[in-house]
């Protein structure tokens, strides 16, 4: 569904994506840090990929523990 040049969503808040971004990235996976009272993570995207496994691999390459993240499929806005 890409209508524009591919732009990574890493570092962006998942709730702040525009309708166009949701359409462009529909079907892709993103990783968000799991909530815990100790860390209170920002709900920003830490990895993006074609699958949850690809996201986990990208997190490992950055030295992050993939177990501490949730993986969500970006869905179209409507």
C-alpha atoms as a PDB file:
ATOM      1  CA  UNK A   1       0.000   0.000   0.000  1.00  0.00           C
ATOM      2  CA  UNK A   2       2.980   2.327  -0.045  1.00  0.00           C
ATOM      3  CA  UNK A   3       2.040   5.635  -1.639  1.00  0.00           C
ATOM      4  CA  UNK A   4       5.206   7.567  -0.749  1.00  0.00           C
ATOM      5  CA  UNK A   5       8.894   6.757  -0.375  1.00  0.00           C
ATOM      6  CA  UNK A   6       9.500   4.425   2.568  1.00  0.00           C
ATOM      7  CA  UNK A   7      10.219   6.296   5.799  1.00  0.00           C
ATOM      8  CA  UNK A   8      11.026   4.395   8.990  1.00  0.00           C
ATOM      9  CA  UNK A   9       8.716   4.795  11.960  1.00  0.00           C
ATOM     10  CA  UNK A  10      11.443   4.079  14.542  1.00  0.00           C
ATOM     11  CA  UNK A  11      11.448   6.677  17.273  1.00  0.00           C
ATOM     12  CA  UNK A  12       7.867   7.767  16.555  1.00  0.00           C
ATOM     13  CA  UNK A  13       4.944   7.294  18.943  1.00  0.00           C
ATOM     14  CA  UNK A  14       2.543   4.654  17.643  1.00  0.00           C
ATOM     15  CA  UNK A  15      -0.458   6.792  18.579  1.00  0.00           C
ATOM     16  CA  UNK A  16       0.915   9.751  16.657  1.00  0.00           C
ATOM     17  CA  UNK A  17       0.905   8.145  13.213  1.00  0.00           C
ATOM     18  CA  UNK A  18      -1.134   9.925  10.578  1.00  0.00           C
ATOM     19  CA  UNK A  19      -3.773   8.200   8.476  1.00  0.00           C
ATOM     20  CA  UNK A  20      -1.401   8.256   5.501  1.00  0.00           C
ATOM     21  CA  UNK A  21       1.399   6.682   7.571  1.00  0.00           C
ATOM     22  CA  UNK A  22      -0.941   3.955   8.800  1.00  0.00           C
ATOM     23  CA  UNK A  23      -1.950   3.235   5.209  1.00  0.00           C
ATOM     24  CA  UNK A  24       1.674   3.219   4.011  1.00  0.00           C
ATOM     25  CA  UNK A  25       2.845   0.899   6.798  1.00  0.00           C
ATOM     26  CA  UNK A  26      -0.211  -1.381   7.034  1.00  0.00           C
ATOM     27  CA  UNK A  27       0.897  -4.993   7.302  1.00  0.00           C
ATOM     28  CA  UNK A  28       4.298  -4.145   8.818  1.00  0.00           C
ATOM     29  CA  UNK A  29       5.257  -5.048  12.387  1.00  0.00           C
ATOM     30  CA  UNK A  30       6.526  -2.671  15.056  1.00  0.00           C
ATOM     31  CA  UNK A  31       8.091  -3.278  18.476  1.00  0.00           C
ATOM     32  CA  UNK A  32       7.180  -1.194  21.519  1.00  0.00           C
ATOM     33  CA  UNK A  33       8.767  -1.526  24.958  1.00  0.00           C
ATOM     34  CA  UNK A  34       6.526  -3.305  27.454  1.00  0.00           C
ATOM     35  CA  UNK A  35       5.070  -1.155  30.187  1.00  0.00           C
ATOM     36  CA  UNK A  36       6.350  -1.632  33.722  1.00  0.00           C
ATOM     37  CA  UNK A  37       6.020   0.720  36.704  1.00  0.00           C
ATOM     38  CA  UNK A  38       9.818   0.772  37.013  1.00  0.00           C
ATOM     39  CA  UNK A  39      10.539   1.973  33.499  1.00  0.00           C
ATOM     40  CA  UNK A  40       7.381   3.814  32.355  1.00  0.00           C
ATOM     41  CA  UNK A  41       8.561   3.614  28.730  1.00  0.00           C
ATOM     42  CA  UNK A  42       7.472   6.078  26.130  1.00  0.00           C
ATOM     43  CA  UNK A  43       5.159   4.380  23.670  1.00  0.00           C
ATOM     44  CA  UNK A  44       7.466   4.903  20.748  1.00  0.00           C
ATOM     45  CA  UNK A  45       8.415   2.453  18.046  1.00  0.00           C
ATOM     46  CA  UNK A  46      11.802   0.852  18.684  1.00  0.00           C
ATOM     47  CA  UNK A  47      11.911  -1.445  15.639  1.00  0.00           C
ATOM     48  CA  UNK A  48       9.973  -2.048  12.445  1.00  0.00           C
ATOM     49  CA  UNK A  49       9.960  -4.968  10.059  1.00  0.00           C
ATOM     50  CA  UNK A  50       8.065  -7.330   7.794  1.00  0.00           C
ATOM     51  CA  UNK A  51       7.596  -9.758  10.713  1.00  0.00           C
ATOM     52  CA  UNK A  52       7.812  -9.849  14.494  1.00  0.00           C
ATOM     53  CA  UNK A  53      10.985 -11.940  14.132  1.00  0.00           C
ATOM     54  CA  UNK A  54      12.563  -9.239  11.966  1.00  0.00           C
ATOM     55  CA  UNK A  55      11.736  -6.656  14.650  1.00  0.00           C
ATOM     56  CA  UNK A  56      13.287  -8.860  17.341  1.00  0.00           C
ATOM     57  CA  UNK A  57      16.439  -9.239  15.248  1.00  0.00           C
ATOM     58  CA  UNK A  58      16.664  -5.453  14.789  1.00  0.00           C
ATOM     59  CA  UNK A  59      16.334  -4.998  18.560  1.00  0.00           C
ATOM     60  CA  UNK A  60      19.101  -7.541  19.221  1.00  0.00           C
ATOM     61  CA  UNK A  61      21.372  -5.727  16.768  1.00  0.00           C
ATOM     62  CA  UNK A  62      20.865  -2.590  18.862  1.00  0.00           C
ATOM     63  CA  UNK A  63      21.739  -4.496  22.057  1.00  0.00           C
ATOM     64  CA  UNK A  64      18.145  -4.556  23.343  1.00  0.00           C
ATOM     65  CA  UNK A  65      16.377  -7.594  24.844  1.00  0.00           C
ATOM     66  CA  UNK A  66      13.503  -8.584  22.493  1.00  0.00           C
ATOM     67  CA  UNK A  67      11.621 -10.193  25.408  1.00  0.00           C
ATOM     68  CA  UNK A  68      11.017  -6.738  26.896  1.00  0.00           C
ATOM     69  CA  UNK A  69       8.991  -5.622  23.867  1.00  0.00           C
ATOM     70  CA  UNK A  70       5.551  -6.207  22.455  1.00  0.00           C
ATOM     71  CA  UNK A  71       5.051  -6.659  18.732  1.00  0.00           C
ATOM     72  CA  UNK A  72       2.108  -5.095  16.957  1.00  0.00           C
ATOM     73  CA  UNK A  73       0.888  -5.368  13.397  1.00  0.00           C
ATOM     74  CA  UNK A  74       0.182  -1.932  11.931  1.00  0.00           C
ATOM     75  CA  UNK A  75      -3.349  -1.995  10.642  1.00  0.00           C
ATOM     76  CA  UNK A  76      -5.009   0.342   8.166  1.00  0.00           C
ATOM     77  CA  UNK A  77      -6.838   3.213   9.863  1.00  0.00           C
ATOM     78  CA  UNK A  78     -10.215   2.084   8.514  1.00  0.00           C
END
